[in-house]
Protein backbone atom coordinates (compact mmCIF):
# COMPACT_ATOMS: atom_id res chain seq x y z
CA UNK A 1 165.12 109.06 90.71
CA UNK A 2 162.06 107.21 89.44
CA UNK A 3 161.05 107.28 85.85
CA UNK A 4 157.70 108.89 86.60
CA UNK A 5 159.42 111.71 88.45
CA UNK A 6 161.54 112.35 85.38
CA UNK A 7 158.37 112.42 83.29
CA UNK A 8 156.89 115.16 85.44
CA UNK A 9 159.90 117.32 86.19
CA UNK A 10 162.15 116.61 83.24
CA UNK A 11 165.18 114.38 82.89
CA UNK A 12 167.51 114.24 85.90
CA UNK A 13 170.48 116.59 85.89
CA UNK A 14 172.93 113.83 86.74
CA UNK A 15 174.22 112.18 83.56
CA UNK A 16 174.07 108.69 85.10
CA UNK A 17 170.41 109.19 85.99
CA UNK A 18 169.75 110.46 82.47
CA UNK A 19 171.33 107.35 80.99
CA UNK A 20 169.35 105.13 83.34
CA UNK A 21 166.09 106.88 82.42
CA UNK A 22 166.80 106.48 78.68
CA UNK A 23 167.49 102.78 79.11
CA UNK A 24 164.34 102.32 81.18
CA UNK A 25 162.21 103.97 78.50
CA UNK A 26 163.79 101.94 75.69
CA UNK A 27 163.44 98.58 77.46
CA UNK A 28 159.83 99.42 78.37
CA UNK A 29 159.23 100.45 74.75
CA UNK A 30 160.35 97.04 73.47
CA UNK A 31 157.98 95.30 75.89
CA UNK A 32 155.07 97.60 75.02
CA UNK A 33 155.51 97.06 71.26
CA UNK A 34 155.30 93.26 71.57
CA UNK A 35 151.57 93.10 70.69
CA UNK A 36 152.26 95.13 67.53
CA UNK A 37 153.79 93.96 64.26
CA UNK A 38 157.33 92.60 64.51
CA UNK A 39 158.79 95.61 62.67
CA UNK A 40 158.03 97.84 65.67
CA UNK A 41 159.66 95.37 68.06
CA UNK A 42 162.73 95.25 65.80
CA UNK A 43 162.99 99.05 65.62
CA UNK A 44 162.71 99.36 69.41
CA UNK A 45 165.34 96.62 69.90
CA UNK A 46 167.75 98.23 67.43
CA UNK A 47 167.30 101.55 69.27
CA UNK A 48 168.31 99.86 72.54
CA UNK A 49 171.35 98.24 70.89
CA UNK A 50 172.56 101.55 69.41
CA UNK A 51 171.99 103.38 72.70
CA UNK A 52 173.92 100.74 74.65
CA UNK A 53 176.90 101.22 72.32
CA UNK A 54 176.97 104.97 72.96
CA UNK A 55 176.58 104.51 76.72
CA UNK A 56 179.47 102.06 76.87
CA UNK A 57 182.31 103.97 75.22
CA UNK A 58 184.77 103.45 78.05
CA UNK A 59 182.99 101.56 80.83
CA UNK A 60 183.89 98.00 79.91
CA UNK A 61 181.44 95.13 80.33
CA UNK A 62 179.36 93.79 83.20
CA UNK A 63 179.69 90.08 82.58
CA UNK A 64 177.18 87.77 84.25
CA UNK A 65 177.37 84.02 83.82
CA UNK A 66 173.58 83.85 83.65
CA UNK A 67 173.62 85.69 80.31
CA UNK A 68 175.96 83.17 78.67
CA UNK A 69 173.27 80.47 78.79
CA UNK A 70 170.96 82.03 76.14
CA UNK A 71 174.05 82.86 74.05
CA UNK A 72 175.01 79.18 74.21
CA UNK A 73 171.43 78.29 73.25
CA UNK A 74 171.75 80.53 70.20
CA UNK A 75 175.08 78.88 69.41
CA UNK A 76 173.40 75.46 69.23
CA UNK A 77 170.72 76.94 66.97
CA UNK A 78 173.43 78.25 64.65
CA UNK A 79 175.33 74.96 64.68
CA UNK A 80 172.17 73.14 63.57
CA UNK A 81 172.83 74.62 60.12
CA UNK A 82 175.41 71.84 59.78
CA UNK A 83 172.82 69.04 59.95
CA UNK A 84 169.46 70.68 59.30
CA UNK A 85 166.85 68.99 57.13
CA UNK A 86 165.86 72.39 55.72
CA UNK A 87 168.68 74.92 55.39
CA UNK A 88 166.49 77.89 54.40
CA UNK A 89 164.03 77.41 57.25
CA UNK A 90 166.87 77.07 59.76
CA UNK A 91 168.58 80.20 58.43
CA UNK A 92 165.29 82.09 58.74
CA UNK A 93 164.85 80.75 62.28
CA UNK A 94 168.33 81.92 63.27
CA UNK A 95 167.54 85.43 62.07
CA UNK A 96 164.35 85.39 64.14
CA UNK A 97 166.26 84.10 67.18
CA UNK A 98 169.02 86.75 67.07
CA UNK A 99 167.63 88.26 70.27
CA UNK A 100 169.10 85.30 72.20
CA UNK A 101 172.50 86.69 71.21
CA UNK A 102 171.93 90.44 70.94
CA UNK A 103 169.96 91.20 74.12
CA UNK A 104 172.36 89.44 76.54
CA UNK A 105 175.24 91.34 74.90
CA UNK A 106 173.31 94.59 75.45
CA UNK A 107 173.00 93.73 79.14
CA UNK A 108 176.75 93.10 79.26
CA UNK A 109 177.22 96.66 78.04
CA UNK A 110 174.64 98.72 79.90
CA UNK A 111 175.00 99.89 83.53
CA UNK A 112 173.88 97.57 86.28
CA UNK A 113 170.11 97.37 86.70
CA UNK A 114 168.70 98.39 90.08
CA UNK A 115 165.45 97.20 91.62
CA UNK A 116 164.11 100.72 91.22
CA UNK A 117 164.82 100.66 87.49
CA UNK A 118 163.19 97.26 87.13
CA UNK A 119 160.05 98.49 88.89
CA UNK A 120 159.95 101.59 86.67
CA UNK A 121 160.13 99.46 83.53
CA UNK A 122 157.48 96.99 84.66
CA UNK A 123 155.23 99.85 85.80
CA UNK A 124 155.31 101.50 82.38
CA UNK A 125 154.75 98.09 80.79
CA UNK A 126 151.82 97.38 83.12
CA UNK A 127 149.99 100.57 82.19
CA UNK A 128 150.82 99.90 78.54
CA UNK A 129 148.99 96.55 78.78
CA UNK A 130 146.04 98.31 80.45
CA UNK A 131 145.89 100.62 77.43
CA UNK A 132 145.80 97.63 75.06
CA UNK A 133 143.06 96.02 77.16
CA UNK A 134 140.90 99.15 77.10
CA UNK A 135 141.52 99.58 73.37
CA UNK A 136 140.56 96.01 72.44
CA UNK A 137 137.51 96.00 74.72
CA UNK A 138 136.40 99.33 73.22
CA UNK A 139 136.70 97.93 69.69
CA UNK A 140 134.75 94.83 70.76
CA UNK A 141 132.05 97.05 72.31
CA UNK A 142 131.69 98.90 69.02
CA UNK A 143 131.36 95.59 67.17
CA UNK A 144 128.79 94.40 69.70
CA UNK A 145 126.63 97.48 69.15
CA UNK A 146 126.72 96.76 65.42
CA UNK A 147 126.19 92.98 65.55
CA UNK A 148 124.59 92.27 68.97
CA UNK A 149 126.95 89.26 69.17
CA UNK A 150 128.66 88.73 72.54
CA UNK A 151 131.31 86.49 70.95
CA UNK A 152 133.20 89.61 69.89
CA UNK A 153 134.33 90.02 73.51
CA UNK A 154 135.99 86.61 73.81
CA UNK A 155 139.17 84.78 72.87
CA UNK A 156 140.33 85.09 69.25
CA UNK A 157 137.55 87.56 68.43
CA UNK A 158 138.77 90.08 71.00
CA UNK A 159 142.30 90.59 69.67
CA UNK A 160 143.88 90.34 66.19
CA UNK A 161 145.15 86.96 64.97
CA UNK A 162 148.61 88.48 65.28
CA UNK A 163 149.53 88.48 68.20
CA UNK A 164 146.60 86.21 69.14
CA UNK A 165 144.82 85.43 72.40
CA UNK A 166 147.54 83.24 73.95
CA UNK A 167 150.32 85.80 73.52
CA UNK A 168 148.14 88.69 74.69
CA UNK A 169 147.19 86.61 77.75
CA UNK A 170 150.86 86.03 78.56
CA UNK A 171 151.70 89.72 78.11
CA UNK A 172 148.72 90.82 80.21
CA UNK A 173 149.57 88.33 82.97
CA UNK A 174 152.87 90.03 83.80
CA UNK A 175 150.96 93.30 84.19
CA UNK A 176 148.43 91.48 86.39
CA UNK A 177 151.21 90.21 88.67
CA UNK A 178 152.70 93.71 88.88
CA UNK A 179 149.46 95.33 90.04
CA UNK A 180 148.67 92.43 92.41
CA UNK A 181 151.99 92.74 94.27
CA UNK A 182 151.71 96.51 94.94
CA UNK A 183 151.18 96.79 98.70
CA UNK A 184 149.36 100.12 98.89
CA UNK A 185 147.41 100.48 95.67
CA UNK A 186 146.24 103.87 94.49
CA UNK A 187 142.90 104.22 92.74
CA UNK A 188 144.50 104.09 89.27
CA UNK A 189 146.28 100.87 90.19
CA UNK A 190 143.11 99.26 91.54
CA UNK A 191 141.23 100.18 88.37
CA UNK A 192 144.11 98.89 86.25
CA UNK A 193 144.14 95.59 88.15
CA UNK A 194 140.40 95.18 87.55
CA UNK A 195 140.72 95.93 83.82
CA UNK A 196 143.62 93.50 83.32
CA UNK A 197 141.81 90.76 85.27
CA UNK A 198 138.68 91.10 83.15
CA UNK A 199 140.79 91.25 79.96
CA UNK A 200 142.57 87.98 80.77
CA UNK A 201 139.26 86.21 81.43
CA UNK A 202 137.79 87.56 78.20
CA UNK A 203 140.79 86.18 76.32
CA UNK A 204 139.74 82.81 77.77
CA UNK A 205 143.10 81.05 77.56
CA UNK A 206 142.58 78.01 79.76
CA UNK A 207 146.28 77.44 80.45
CA UNK A 208 147.01 81.09 81.29
CA UNK A 209 143.94 81.46 83.52
CA UNK A 210 145.00 78.33 85.40
CA UNK A 211 148.63 79.46 85.74
CA UNK A 212 147.60 82.95 86.87
CA UNK A 213 145.19 81.54 89.44
CA UNK A 214 147.87 79.29 90.96
CA UNK A 215 150.45 82.10 91.13
CA UNK A 216 148.05 84.66 92.63
CA UNK A 217 146.81 82.22 95.30
CA UNK A 218 150.44 81.39 96.08
CA UNK A 219 151.24 85.14 96.35
CA UNK A 220 148.45 85.84 98.82
CA UNK A 221 149.25 82.70 100.79
CA UNK A 222 153.00 83.32 101.20
CA UNK A 223 154.04 86.81 100.00
CA UNK A 224 151.26 89.30 100.70
CA UNK A 225 151.93 91.41 103.79
CA UNK A 226 148.36 91.42 105.02
CA UNK A 227 146.57 89.83 108.02
CA UNK A 228 145.84 86.11 107.75
CA UNK A 229 142.10 86.71 107.79
CA UNK A 230 142.40 89.07 104.84
CA UNK A 231 144.54 86.51 103.02
CA UNK A 232 141.86 83.85 103.40
CA UNK A 233 139.11 86.22 102.23
CA UNK A 234 141.20 87.34 99.24
CA UNK A 235 142.00 83.77 98.17
CA UNK A 236 138.32 82.86 98.59
CA UNK A 237 137.27 85.86 96.48
CA UNK A 238 139.75 84.99 93.71
CA UNK A 239 138.57 81.37 93.74
CA UNK A 240 134.91 82.37 93.60
CA UNK A 241 135.62 84.74 90.72
CA UNK A 242 137.30 81.92 88.79
CA UNK A 243 134.48 79.46 89.51
CA UNK A 244 131.83 82.03 88.61
CA UNK A 245 133.54 82.71 85.29
CA UNK A 246 133.88 79.01 84.45
CA UNK A 247 130.30 78.08 85.35
CA UNK A 248 128.33 81.17 84.40
CA UNK A 249 130.20 82.90 81.54
CA UNK A 250 129.17 80.76 78.58
CA UNK A 251 132.21 81.39 76.36
CA UNK A 252 134.66 80.62 79.16
CA UNK A 253 132.59 77.65 80.39
CA UNK A 254 132.47 76.10 76.91
CA UNK A 255 136.24 76.24 76.52
CA UNK A 256 136.87 74.57 79.87
CA UNK A 257 134.05 72.05 79.35
CA UNK A 258 135.37 70.72 76.04
CA UNK A 259 138.77 70.14 77.65
CA UNK A 260 137.19 68.29 80.58
CA UNK A 261 135.09 66.11 78.32
CA UNK A 262 137.88 65.16 75.94
CA UNK A 263 140.27 64.53 78.83
CA UNK A 264 138.04 62.13 80.75
CA UNK A 265 135.46 60.81 78.28
CA UNK A 266 135.92 59.15 74.90
CA UNK A 267 133.73 60.02 71.91
CA UNK A 268 131.41 62.50 73.55
CA UNK A 269 130.55 65.94 72.28
CA UNK A 270 129.88 67.29 68.85
CA UNK A 271 130.04 70.85 67.63
CA UNK A 272 130.73 73.10 64.73
CA UNK A 273 134.28 73.12 63.41
CA UNK A 274 135.69 76.49 62.51
CA UNK A 275 137.44 74.89 59.54
CA UNK A 276 134.59 72.84 58.02
CA UNK A 277 130.80 73.24 58.06
CA UNK A 278 130.04 69.62 59.06
CA UNK A 279 129.55 68.55 62.65
CA UNK A 280 132.81 67.23 64.06
CA UNK A 281 133.88 64.62 66.53
CA UNK A 282 135.94 66.05 69.39
CA UNK A 283 138.98 63.80 69.68
CA UNK A 284 139.68 62.58 73.22
CA UNK A 285 143.14 62.41 74.77
CA UNK A 286 143.13 58.61 74.53
CA UNK A 287 142.18 58.75 70.86
CA UNK A 288 144.83 61.38 70.15
CA UNK A 289 147.48 59.07 71.58
CA UNK A 290 146.32 55.75 70.11
CA UNK A 291 144.31 56.20 66.90
CA UNK A 292 146.27 55.45 63.72
CA UNK A 293 143.69 57.05 61.44
CA UNK A 294 141.33 59.98 61.96
CA UNK A 295 138.43 61.46 60.03
CA UNK A 296 138.80 64.72 58.11
CA UNK A 297 136.06 66.20 60.28
CA UNK A 298 137.75 65.29 63.58
CA UNK A 299 138.49 68.27 65.81
CA UNK A 300 141.36 68.31 68.33
CA UNK A 301 140.69 70.40 71.47
CA UNK A 302 143.76 72.01 73.03
CA UNK A 303 144.89 69.20 75.31
CA UNK A 304 144.17 66.47 72.76
CA UNK A 305 146.15 68.36 70.10
CA UNK A 306 149.17 68.61 72.38
CA UNK A 307 148.96 64.92 73.22
CA UNK A 308 148.80 64.11 69.51
CA UNK A 309 151.84 66.31 68.82
CA UNK A 310 153.82 64.54 71.57
CA UNK A 311 152.73 61.20 70.11
CA UNK A 312 153.95 62.04 66.58
CA UNK A 313 157.33 63.16 67.97
CA UNK A 314 157.59 59.73 69.60
CA UNK A 315 156.87 58.18 66.19
CA UNK A 316 159.47 60.40 64.51
CA UNK A 317 162.02 59.37 67.11
CA UNK A 318 161.36 55.72 66.32
CA UNK A 319 161.76 56.35 62.59
CA UNK A 320 164.82 58.63 62.59
CA UNK A 321 167.92 59.28 64.73
CA UNK A 322 166.79 62.60 66.20
CA UNK A 323 167.66 62.40 69.87
CA UNK A 324 171.20 63.80 69.67
CA UNK A 325 170.91 66.48 66.97
CA UNK A 326 167.27 66.91 66.00
CA UNK A 327 165.95 68.12 62.65
CA UNK A 328 167.60 71.54 62.88
CA UNK A 329 166.07 74.84 64.00
CA UNK A 330 162.64 75.42 62.40
CA UNK A 331 163.16 72.30 60.25
CA UNK A 332 160.58 69.97 61.84
CA UNK A 333 157.44 71.31 60.21
CA UNK A 334 157.71 69.22 57.04
CA UNK A 335 157.64 66.03 59.14
CA UNK A 336 154.59 67.30 61.05
CA UNK A 337 152.86 67.81 57.69
CA UNK A 338 153.80 64.29 56.65
CA UNK A 339 152.36 62.90 59.89
CA UNK A 340 149.11 64.81 59.34
CA UNK A 341 148.76 63.11 55.93
CA UNK A 342 149.76 59.73 57.34
CA UNK A 343 147.06 59.91 60.03
CA UNK A 344 144.46 61.41 57.66
CA UNK A 345 144.07 64.69 59.54
CA UNK A 346 142.53 67.79 58.01
CA UNK A 347 145.43 69.56 56.30
CA UNK A 348 145.39 72.60 58.65
CA UNK A 349 146.73 70.39 61.45
CA UNK A 350 149.93 69.92 59.48
CA UNK A 351 150.67 73.63 59.97
CA UNK A 352 150.67 73.47 63.78
CA UNK A 353 154.01 73.23 65.55
CA UNK A 354 154.54 70.87 68.49
CA UNK A 355 152.80 73.28 70.88
CA UNK A 356 155.34 72.34 73.54
CA UNK A 357 158.64 74.22 73.76
CA UNK A 358 160.42 71.30 75.40
CA UNK A 359 159.48 68.89 72.61
CA UNK A 360 160.09 71.60 70.00
CA UNK A 361 163.65 72.16 71.28
CA UNK A 362 164.31 68.42 71.56
CA UNK A 363 162.96 67.74 68.07
CA UNK A 364 164.93 70.55 66.43
CA UNK A 365 168.08 70.94 68.54
CA UNK A 366 168.42 67.49 70.11
CA UNK A 367 169.13 66.64 73.70
CA UNK A 368 171.80 69.36 74.05
CA UNK A 369 169.32 72.07 73.06
CA UNK A 370 166.74 70.73 75.49
CA UNK A 371 169.26 70.57 78.35
CA UNK A 372 170.35 74.18 77.76
CA UNK A 373 166.69 75.28 77.77
CA UNK A 374 166.01 73.43 81.04
CA UNK A 375 169.16 74.87 82.64
CA UNK A 376 168.16 78.38 81.56
CA UNK A 377 164.70 77.96 83.11
CA UNK A 378 166.12 76.44 86.31
CA UNK A 379 168.71 79.23 86.75
CA UNK A 380 166.01 81.82 86.14
CA UNK A 381 163.70 80.33 88.77
CA UNK A 382 166.53 79.74 91.25
CA UNK A 383 167.72 83.36 91.02
CA UNK A 384 164.17 84.59 91.64
CA UNK A 385 163.83 82.35 94.69
CA UNK A 386 167.21 83.46 96.07
CA UNK A 387 166.17 87.12 95.80
CA UNK A 388 162.63 86.35 97.02
CA UNK A 389 161.35 88.58 94.22
CA UNK A 390 157.71 87.78 93.47
CA UNK A 391 157.62 89.21 89.93
CA UNK A 392 160.76 87.30 88.97
CA UNK A 393 159.38 84.05 90.42
CA UNK A 394 155.99 84.60 88.76
CA UNK A 395 157.68 85.15 85.39
CA UNK A 396 159.85 82.05 85.85
CA UNK A 397 156.93 79.80 86.84
CA UNK A 398 154.76 81.15 84.01
CA UNK A 399 157.44 80.30 81.43
CA UNK A 400 158.08 76.82 82.84
CA UNK A 401 154.38 75.95 82.77
CA UNK A 402 153.56 77.75 79.52
CA UNK A 403 156.28 75.85 77.66
CA UNK A 404 154.30 72.66 78.33
CA UNK A 405 151.52 73.90 76.06
CA UNK A 406 153.18 76.39 73.67
CA UNK A 407 156.22 76.47 71.40
CA UNK A 408 156.87 80.01 72.59
CA UNK A 409 160.15 80.46 70.71
CA UNK A 410 158.58 79.80 67.32
CA UNK A 411 157.53 83.45 67.17
CA UNK A 412 159.78 86.49 67.41
CA UNK A 413 157.64 88.26 70.01
CA UNK A 414 157.80 85.16 72.22
CA UNK A 415 161.59 85.10 72.00
CA UNK A 416 161.93 88.83 72.73
CA UNK A 417 159.48 88.70 75.65
CA UNK A 418 161.31 85.80 77.26
CA UNK A 419 164.93 86.85 76.75
CA UNK A 420 164.41 90.52 77.59
CA UNK A 421 162.66 89.73 80.87
CA UNK A 422 165.12 86.90 81.57
CA UNK A 423 168.02 89.36 81.30
CA UNK A 424 166.16 92.13 83.10
CA UNK A 425 165.13 90.06 86.11
CA UNK A 426 168.51 88.36 86.39
CA UNK A 427 170.41 91.65 86.05
CA UNK A 428 168.90 93.79 88.78
CA UNK A 429 170.96 94.36 91.90
CA UNK A 430 169.96 95.38 95.42
CA UNK A 431 171.76 98.64 94.78
CA UNK A 432 173.67 100.20 91.92
CA UNK A 433 177.05 99.13 93.20
CA UNK A 434 176.33 95.44 93.65
CA UNK A 435 174.93 92.64 91.48
């Protein structure tokens, strides 16, 4: 029985269905609270843990080898206490990363997840993200009426600093994929799809917009059960919408333009820095990789910053024996600060992490940590491909590509989002009796 049926007519009479409905609500609740403060995510997660204990009094455990990989990843994090450069930071990081241990154990304990349950959870989550989108756009509209400034609708001005535009874009993208893959959309689902699409473009995350575009085109090319002519028209419409946004929506165009210019041209544009009042030089990718000294007024666009962060890891590797063990979980930041001083960067740049989860894991957990991360991502993608499940594959591809530009596990909500969906997608069975 679907979760929306239980909402209308009450909980199912069958105790197993009741338990399933409770678990669906609790898992959806964790996902919906991700944009809120971490305390709400923690409360929702604790509620799921306690519920799983009560539901597993005599049922034993449903062991899946897939779930041992994140537990092993957490084990390496814990072991890094033995060699960390900063014990307190590593201990704090382990507390933040507990979900890598706790959530897989919960999935060992709860009943097997069916495709129906998975769809119920993602459906609730999808409408939850629509609510956030409407809420933030409404707040921005109010600010616009007061200030007459269109910037309130875009990027970091649209959502609070915590969670931030990147994380909200990631959360909204899963909802986007859910509504896209519905074959026969009702009016509410079509409206929701439109709202989420607009919301993601307003957030103006270049990497997420690019990832979403690739995945949606791929869906309509290979997964959508519609006539070929309709597929072509749909892909053309999506492409035109993207191009229109990039070329005619100033705030989106400016963000893409600065990346293009700094990627292919040295020493080009100037603009106002958000950190300092002086005009700044936008650092190119080549400069980010080769310059030994920078000016305090230099500004690093997104791609250039990530190239610079990869470059300083290379320097760290040449200066210290990091390849096998790394600095220790969360213990690399002090060296990033040192590198910012060494290269004469404005001090705020010393507070940025590596902005690349692969480099972050390698720098902090060594080659073993990186290998476990890559295996976990490969297994996740492979399982999605074997089941031919679009949402699972979309999630897997998003994480693989996003990790190239974000240290997603440096924040608790990033960890919870990844590991909960990793377990959820890899747990569902074709029916309740088979995994």
